[in-house]
Amino acid sequence: MRALTGSCTGGKFLTMTIRRRKFLQLALLTGINTGLVSSAYADDDTATSPTLKQMITHPLLVNSLYRVSVSKEYAADGAAGSNQDHYQWIEEQRQGAEWIVRGTARQKPEWIAMGWKQLDWGLAQQKSDGGFDSKDPFHSTSFFVEALARSCLIDPVGATANRVNGLRQSANWLMSSNGTKKGISNNLPYTHRRYILAAAFGQSAAVTQNVEFKSTAEQWAENGLALQREDGTNPEKGGYDVGYQMVGVLMALRYLPVCDNPQLRARLRNMMRRAIAPELARQAPDGSFSTEGSTRIGSEHARSGKVKDVPYNEILQAWVYAAQALPQPDLIESATKIAQLRGWLKVR
């Protein structure tokens, strides 16, 4: 007993061994490709993460959320969301990445094609300096860059020279534009935006092999890590938010597979475990979450005028990815409750 509990090293090893055993057991029950487990997962937080393409093919996602179409809010030419009326926000075109994710996971080439049409519509708005003249240009562009880079990684066949060049130019704009200083200032109250930028630059670096993008991604990740509180809160407007807490985790999980800094990977995993714990405590037995006490969800209004609701689709994805990448397999049970609550899970 002393050998297991008398030292930090022994205790850590026991915890990791139990976590790994749970993951392997869950892999057998849920259909995860256990052949990937031995190579992609390790009892070491500095280890590389499974790729995003591997994570999106988890059976729970394939048989629930990814069965459902992303949205009906798009035009035949590829304009998405509010851009159907007239161009306003480049971030609306990130819907294309969600079509590519679901199309890849479900092996639906027509969904993948639709996704690229929406992203191409966005690239058609690009200016000579690499920017998009969008409302809230810095933040909106960071969303689009993340979506475009993620799509290139998930569907490398679709990552044509023109698309990669557009990605490179837009990422460069984020680093050097006149709007950067104002954009960074506007981002200050929102921790999750640091992880959007980390994912955007990290994935862009993986696509373009640009070392400057890589270092910028690490800087944004470090910036986000520095903001986490002792209780696991990644503050949004000064406090905990039941939605944006997990949006930040989801973005960090999109960055983790392309982060090649072992020590930073370990710190990100630690941040995410701490961030997920208070979220789990807020989940009801039926899978729902209360917005009580949240600083944004349940009180802020979206651009549509509706009060922002719990982003169940993003929480579900964050937990399924985390179950594999941290790994924290217990999250599959909680994620399944969300899928059942929302009516996404296919009944066999």
Protein backbone atom coordinates (compact mmCIF):
# COMPACT_ATOMS: atom_id res chain seq x y z
CA MET A 1 0.00 0.00 0.00
CA ARG A 2 2.83 2.33 0.85
CA ALA A 3 4.28 1.79 -2.63
CA LEU A 4 1.05 3.05 -4.20
CA THR A 5 0.20 5.97 -1.94
CA GLY A 6 3.45 6.95 -0.30
CA SER A 7 4.78 8.91 -3.25
CA CYS A 8 3.38 11.29 -5.82
CA THR A 9 4.86 9.19 -8.60
CA GLY A 10 3.16 6.00 -7.45
CA GLY A 11 -0.19 7.70 -6.90
CA LYS A 12 -0.07 9.35 -10.31
CA PHE A 13 0.80 6.04 -11.95
CA LEU A 14 -2.13 4.30 -10.26
CA THR A 15 -4.55 7.06 -11.29
CA MET A 16 -3.37 6.93 -14.89
CA THR A 17 -3.55 3.13 -14.98
CA ILE A 18 -7.16 3.17 -13.73
CA ARG A 19 -8.05 5.87 -16.26
CA ARG A 20 -6.49 3.89 -19.08
CA ARG A 21 -8.24 0.67 -18.03
CA LYS A 22 -11.60 2.48 -18.00
CA PHE A 23 -10.90 3.84 -21.46
CA LEU A 24 -10.10 0.40 -22.86
CA GLN A 25 -13.25 -1.07 -21.29
CA LEU A 26 -15.34 1.75 -22.74
CA ALA A 27 -13.71 1.28 -26.14
CA LEU A 28 -15.03 -2.26 -26.26
CA LEU A 29 -18.54 -1.15 -25.31
CA THR A 30 -18.87 1.82 -27.63
CA GLY A 31 -17.00 0.57 -30.68
CA ILE A 32 -13.94 2.82 -30.52
CA ASN A 33 -11.19 1.36 -32.67
CA THR A 34 -9.07 -0.17 -29.91
CA GLY A 35 -6.24 -0.61 -32.36
CA LEU A 36 -5.73 3.14 -32.08
CA VAL A 37 -5.71 3.16 -28.30
CA SER A 38 -2.29 1.70 -27.78
CA SER A 39 -0.59 4.12 -30.18
CA ALA A 40 -2.69 7.27 -29.79
CA TYR A 41 -3.16 7.22 -26.02
CA ALA A 42 -0.51 7.03 -23.36
CA ASP A 43 -0.30 7.28 -19.59
CA ASP A 44 1.47 10.58 -20.01
CA ASP A 45 -0.11 14.01 -20.38
CA THR A 46 2.76 15.10 -22.64
CA ALA A 47 1.82 12.42 -25.18
CA THR A 48 0.46 13.32 -28.59
CA SER A 49 -3.30 13.49 -29.01
CA PRO A 50 -5.39 11.46 -31.44
CA THR A 51 -6.08 13.46 -34.57
CA LEU A 52 -9.27 15.45 -34.88
CA LYS A 53 -10.32 13.20 -37.75
CA GLN A 54 -10.03 10.21 -35.42
CA MET A 55 -12.00 11.95 -32.69
CA ILE A 56 -14.93 12.96 -34.90
CA THR A 57 -15.57 9.34 -35.87
CA HIS A 58 -16.47 8.26 -32.34
CA PRO A 59 -19.66 6.14 -32.56
CA LEU A 60 -21.61 8.38 -30.18
CA LEU A 61 -21.12 11.38 -32.46
CA VAL A 62 -21.66 9.42 -35.67
CA ASN A 63 -24.91 7.96 -34.32
CA SER A 64 -26.27 11.13 -32.74
CA LEU A 65 -25.35 14.75 -33.50
CA TYR A 66 -23.56 14.04 -36.77
CA ARG A 67 -26.66 12.32 -38.19
CA VAL A 68 -28.43 15.68 -38.14
CA SER A 69 -27.96 18.36 -40.78
CA VAL A 70 -26.04 21.39 -39.56
CA SER A 71 -28.57 24.06 -40.49
CA LYS A 72 -31.18 25.10 -43.01
CA GLU A 73 -29.87 28.65 -42.95
CA TYR A 74 -27.86 28.83 -46.16
CA ALA A 75 -28.38 29.86 -49.76
CA ALA A 76 -27.71 27.92 -52.93
CA ASP A 77 -24.60 30.00 -53.66
CA GLY A 78 -23.07 29.12 -50.27
CA ALA A 79 -23.93 32.22 -48.25
CA ALA A 80 -24.69 31.11 -44.70
CA GLY A 81 -26.72 32.53 -41.84
CA SER A 82 -27.22 36.29 -41.93
CA ASN A 83 -25.01 36.52 -45.02
CA GLN A 84 -27.94 35.21 -47.07
CA ASP A 85 -29.45 38.70 -47.03
CA HIS A 86 -26.19 40.55 -47.56
CA TYR A 87 -22.61 40.01 -46.44
CA GLN A 88 -22.05 41.01 -42.82
CA TRP A 89 -20.08 38.48 -40.79
CA ILE A 90 -17.34 36.25 -42.18
CA GLU A 91 -17.77 33.97 -39.16
CA GLU A 92 -21.20 32.88 -40.43
CA GLN A 93 -19.36 30.89 -43.11
CA ARG A 94 -17.79 28.65 -40.47
CA GLN A 95 -20.95 26.60 -40.85
CA GLY A 96 -19.08 25.04 -43.77
CA ALA A 97 -16.60 23.34 -41.45
CA GLU A 98 -19.44 21.68 -39.55
CA TRP A 99 -20.78 20.22 -42.81
CA ILE A 100 -17.31 18.88 -43.61
CA VAL A 101 -16.96 17.37 -40.12
CA ARG A 102 -20.31 15.61 -40.34
CA GLY A 103 -19.84 14.65 -43.96
CA THR A 104 -16.50 13.05 -43.15
CA ALA A 105 -17.79 11.25 -40.06
CA ARG A 106 -20.88 10.00 -41.88
CA GLN A 107 -19.14 9.44 -45.25
CA LYS A 108 -21.49 11.83 -47.04
CA PRO A 109 -19.59 13.50 -49.91
CA GLU A 110 -22.54 15.80 -50.66
CA TRP A 111 -22.24 17.30 -47.17
CA ILE A 112 -18.49 17.78 -47.64
CA ALA A 113 -19.12 19.51 -50.98
CA MET A 114 -21.70 21.79 -49.35
CA GLY A 115 -19.20 22.69 -46.64
CA TRP A 116 -16.54 23.71 -49.14
CA LYS A 117 -19.10 25.77 -51.08
CA GLN A 118 -19.81 27.76 -47.93
CA LEU A 119 -16.14 28.24 -47.12
CA ASP A 120 -15.40 29.22 -50.73
CA TRP A 121 -18.18 31.81 -50.52
CA GLY A 122 -16.35 33.23 -47.54
CA LEU A 123 -13.00 33.23 -49.34
CA ALA A 124 -14.62 35.12 -52.21
CA GLN A 125 -15.11 38.04 -49.78
CA GLN A 126 -11.38 38.20 -48.98
CA LYS A 127 -9.63 41.50 -49.68
CA SER A 128 -6.14 41.98 -51.08
CA ASP A 129 -4.71 42.42 -47.56
CA GLY A 130 -6.08 39.04 -46.47
CA GLY A 131 -8.93 40.48 -44.36
CA PHE A 132 -12.66 40.31 -44.91
CA ASP A 133 -14.12 43.70 -43.92
CA SER A 134 -16.45 41.85 -41.56
CA LYS A 135 -18.26 43.28 -38.60
CA ASP A 136 -16.09 42.78 -35.48
CA PRO A 137 -13.28 41.95 -37.95
CA PHE A 138 -10.64 40.42 -35.65
CA HIS A 139 -12.92 38.06 -33.74
CA SER A 140 -15.06 37.18 -36.74
CA THR A 141 -12.00 36.41 -38.86
CA SER A 142 -10.50 34.22 -36.14
CA PHE A 143 -13.64 32.06 -36.27
CA PHE A 144 -13.38 31.72 -40.04
CA VAL A 145 -9.65 30.96 -40.01
CA GLU A 146 -10.18 28.20 -37.45
CA ALA A 147 -12.99 26.69 -39.51
CA LEU A 148 -11.05 26.83 -42.78
CA ALA A 149 -7.87 25.38 -41.26
CA ARG A 150 -9.82 22.61 -39.51
CA SER A 151 -11.53 21.72 -42.77
CA CYS A 152 -8.19 21.49 -44.58
CA LEU A 153 -6.91 19.07 -41.94
CA ILE A 154 -10.02 16.89 -41.89
CA ASP A 155 -10.40 16.80 -45.69
CA PRO A 156 -6.89 17.23 -47.15
CA VAL A 157 -8.18 16.37 -50.64
CA GLY A 158 -10.28 19.53 -50.47
CA ALA A 159 -7.33 21.62 -49.28
CA THR A 160 -6.58 23.03 -52.73
CA ALA A 161 -3.78 25.49 -53.38
CA ASN A 162 -6.24 28.38 -53.62
CA ARG A 163 -7.89 27.50 -50.31
CA VAL A 164 -4.57 27.04 -48.52
CA ASN A 165 -3.34 30.35 -49.92
CA GLY A 166 -6.50 32.07 -48.70
CA LEU A 167 -5.96 30.52 -45.30
CA ARG A 168 -2.36 31.72 -45.18
CA GLN A 169 -3.35 35.26 -46.11
CA SER A 170 -6.16 35.45 -43.56
CA ALA A 171 -3.95 34.09 -40.77
CA ASN A 172 -1.30 36.65 -41.66
CA TRP A 173 -3.97 39.36 -41.51
CA LEU A 174 -4.87 38.27 -37.97
CA MET A 175 -1.26 38.81 -36.92
CA SER A 176 -0.55 42.08 -38.70
CA SER A 177 -3.76 43.95 -39.37
CA ASN A 178 -4.51 47.41 -38.10
CA GLY A 179 -7.54 45.94 -36.35
CA THR A 180 -5.49 43.53 -34.27
CA LYS A 181 -4.90 45.90 -31.35
CA LYS A 182 -8.59 46.77 -31.08
CA GLY A 183 -9.56 43.13 -31.57
CA ILE A 184 -7.31 41.96 -28.77
CA SER A 185 -8.73 44.65 -26.51
CA ASN A 186 -12.28 43.54 -27.32
CA ASN A 187 -11.34 39.94 -26.54
CA LEU A 188 -10.08 40.67 -23.03
CA PRO A 189 -13.26 39.66 -21.08
CA TYR A 190 -13.58 36.33 -22.91
CA THR A 191 -11.23 33.47 -22.09
CA HIS A 192 -12.62 31.18 -24.77
CA ARG A 193 -11.48 33.55 -27.50
CA ARG A 194 -7.85 32.81 -26.61
CA TYR A 195 -8.46 29.16 -27.49
CA ILE A 196 -10.20 30.08 -30.74
CA LEU A 197 -7.01 31.87 -31.72
CA ALA A 198 -4.78 29.04 -30.50
CA ALA A 199 -6.77 26.58 -32.61
CA ALA A 200 -6.88 28.93 -35.61
CA PHE A 201 -3.14 29.55 -35.67
CA GLY A 202 -2.15 26.03 -34.61
CA GLN A 203 -4.23 24.38 -37.31
CA SER A 204 -3.10 26.95 -39.87
CA ALA A 205 0.50 26.11 -38.99
CA ALA A 206 -0.19 22.42 -39.53
CA VAL A 207 -1.69 23.14 -42.95
CA THR A 208 0.86 25.71 -44.17
CA GLN A 209 3.99 24.68 -42.19
CA ASN A 210 4.37 28.31 -41.14
CA VAL A 211 6.48 28.44 -37.96
CA GLU A 212 5.27 31.93 -37.07
CA PHE A 213 1.69 30.66 -36.91
CA LYS A 214 2.86 27.86 -34.64
CA SER A 215 4.53 30.20 -32.14
CA THR A 216 1.53 32.55 -32.20
CA ALA A 217 -0.76 29.62 -31.37
CA GLU A 218 1.38 28.74 -28.38
CA GLN A 219 1.27 32.34 -27.16
CA TRP A 220 -2.52 32.43 -27.30
CA ALA A 221 -2.77 29.09 -25.50
CA GLU A 222 -0.45 30.36 -22.77
CA ASN A 223 -2.57 33.49 -22.50
CA GLY A 224 -5.68 31.40 -21.94
CA LEU A 225 -4.01 29.10 -19.42
CA ALA A 226 -2.95 32.07 -17.33
CA LEU A 227 -6.58 33.09 -16.86
CA GLN A 228 -7.92 29.88 -15.32
CA ARG A 229 -8.99 30.19 -11.69
CA GLU A 230 -8.36 27.71 -8.89
CA ASP A 231 -11.89 26.33 -9.10
CA GLY A 232 -11.48 25.57 -12.81
CA THR A 233 -13.36 28.61 -14.08
CA ASN A 234 -12.18 30.06 -17.38
CA PRO A 235 -13.82 33.44 -16.81
CA GLU A 236 -16.25 35.05 -19.24
CA LYS A 237 -17.14 38.60 -18.32
CA GLY A 238 -15.74 38.05 -14.86
CA GLY A 239 -17.34 34.73 -13.93
CA TYR A 240 -18.44 31.23 -14.85
CA ASP A 241 -20.56 30.60 -17.91
CA VAL A 242 -22.12 27.20 -18.53
CA GLY A 243 -21.83 27.56 -22.32
CA TYR A 244 -18.64 29.41 -23.09
CA GLN A 245 -16.68 27.38 -20.54
CA MET A 246 -17.11 24.39 -22.84
CA VAL A 247 -16.72 26.34 -26.08
CA GLY A 248 -13.22 27.18 -24.85
CA VAL A 249 -12.53 23.54 -24.00
CA LEU A 250 -13.75 22.46 -27.44
CA MET A 251 -11.40 24.93 -29.12
CA ALA A 252 -8.51 23.77 -26.94
CA LEU A 253 -9.28 20.20 -28.00
CA ARG A 254 -9.11 21.25 -31.65
CA TYR A 255 -5.69 22.74 -30.96
CA LEU A 256 -4.32 19.80 -28.94
CA PRO A 257 -3.74 17.42 -31.90
CA VAL A 258 -1.56 19.97 -33.72
CA CYS A 259 0.32 21.18 -30.64
CA ASP A 260 3.82 19.71 -30.81
CA ASN A 261 5.01 21.18 -27.51
CA PRO A 262 4.86 18.29 -24.98
CA GLN A 263 4.84 20.51 -21.90
CA LEU A 264 2.10 22.71 -23.31
CA ARG A 265 0.03 19.62 -24.16
CA ALA A 266 0.29 18.52 -20.53
CA ARG A 267 -0.82 21.93 -19.25
CA LEU A 268 -3.71 22.05 -21.69
CA ARG A 269 -4.91 18.63 -20.54
CA ASN A 270 -4.72 19.76 -16.94
CA MET A 271 -6.65 22.94 -17.77
CA MET A 272 -9.37 20.98 -19.54
CA ARG A 273 -9.86 18.45 -16.74
CA ARG A 274 -10.18 21.30 -14.26
CA ALA A 275 -12.57 23.18 -16.56
CA ILE A 276 -14.80 20.15 -17.16
CA ALA A 277 -15.23 19.29 -13.46
CA PRO A 278 -17.46 22.28 -12.53
CA GLU A 279 -19.45 21.78 -15.74
CA LEU A 280 -20.17 18.17 -14.83
CA ALA A 281 -21.38 19.36 -11.43
CA ARG A 282 -23.95 21.52 -13.19
CA GLN A 283 -25.46 18.70 -15.25
CA ALA A 284 -28.84 17.36 -14.12
CA PRO A 285 -29.63 13.61 -14.23
CA ASP A 286 -31.59 14.08 -17.48
CA GLY A 287 -28.53 15.62 -19.16
CA SER A 288 -29.68 19.24 -19.05
CA PHE A 289 -27.82 22.24 -17.65
CA SER A 290 -29.13 25.16 -15.69
CA THR A 291 -28.10 28.63 -16.82
CA GLU A 292 -28.42 29.99 -13.28
CA GLY A 293 -25.36 31.99 -12.30
CA SER A 294 -23.95 32.06 -15.86
CA THR A 295 -22.49 35.36 -16.93
CA ARG A 296 -23.65 35.11 -20.56
CA ILE A 297 -25.88 32.13 -21.44
CA GLY A 298 -29.47 32.80 -20.43
CA SER A 299 -29.02 36.56 -20.32
CA GLU A 300 -27.18 37.75 -23.43
CA HIS A 301 -29.01 38.05 -26.73
CA ALA A 302 -27.75 36.51 -29.94
CA ARG A 303 -27.77 38.54 -33.16
CA SER A 304 -31.12 36.94 -33.99
CA GLY A 305 -32.56 38.65 -30.91
CA LYS A 306 -33.07 35.38 -29.05
CA VAL A 307 -31.60 34.83 -25.60
CA LYS A 308 -28.51 32.65 -25.85
CA ASP A 309 -29.23 29.05 -24.83
CA VAL A 310 -26.95 26.25 -23.64
CA PRO A 311 -24.84 25.10 -26.64
CA TYR A 312 -25.53 21.39 -26.19
CA ASN A 313 -23.96 20.46 -29.53
CA GLU A 314 -20.64 22.01 -28.55
CA ILE A 315 -20.68 20.51 -25.06
CA LEU A 316 -21.40 17.09 -26.52
CA GLN A 317 -18.50 17.35 -28.96
CA ALA A 318 -16.14 18.70 -26.31
CA TRP A 319 -16.88 15.80 -23.99
CA VAL A 320 -16.58 13.11 -26.64
CA TYR A 321 -13.28 14.56 -27.85
CA ALA A 322 -12.05 14.90 -24.26
CA ALA A 323 -13.00 11.30 -23.48
CA GLN A 324 -10.49 10.28 -26.12
CA ALA A 325 -7.80 12.95 -25.92
CA LEU A 326 -7.33 13.45 -22.17
CA PRO A 327 -8.39 10.58 -21.91
CA GLN A 328 -11.40 10.86 -19.59
CA PRO A 329 -13.74 8.03 -20.68
CA ASP A 330 -16.29 8.71 -17.94
CA LEU A 331 -17.46 11.67 -20.03
CA ILE A 332 -19.11 9.37 -22.56
CA GLU A 333 -21.87 8.59 -20.07
CA SER A 334 -22.59 12.27 -19.51
CA ALA A 335 -22.33 13.00 -23.23
CA THR A 336 -24.82 10.23 -23.96
CA LYS A 337 -27.33 11.92 -21.65
CA ILE A 338 -27.02 15.09 -23.73
CA ALA A 339 -27.58 13.18 -26.98
CA GLN A 340 -30.65 11.49 -25.51
CA LEU A 341 -32.03 14.73 -24.09
CA ARG A 342 -31.75 16.48 -27.45
CA GLY A 343 -33.23 13.60 -29.41
CA TRP A 344 -30.08 13.12 -31.47
CA LEU A 345 -29.26 9.55 -30.51
CA LYS A 346 -30.48 7.00 -33.00
CA VAL A 347 -32.45 4.22 -31.33
CA ARG A 348 -31.43 0.85 -32.68
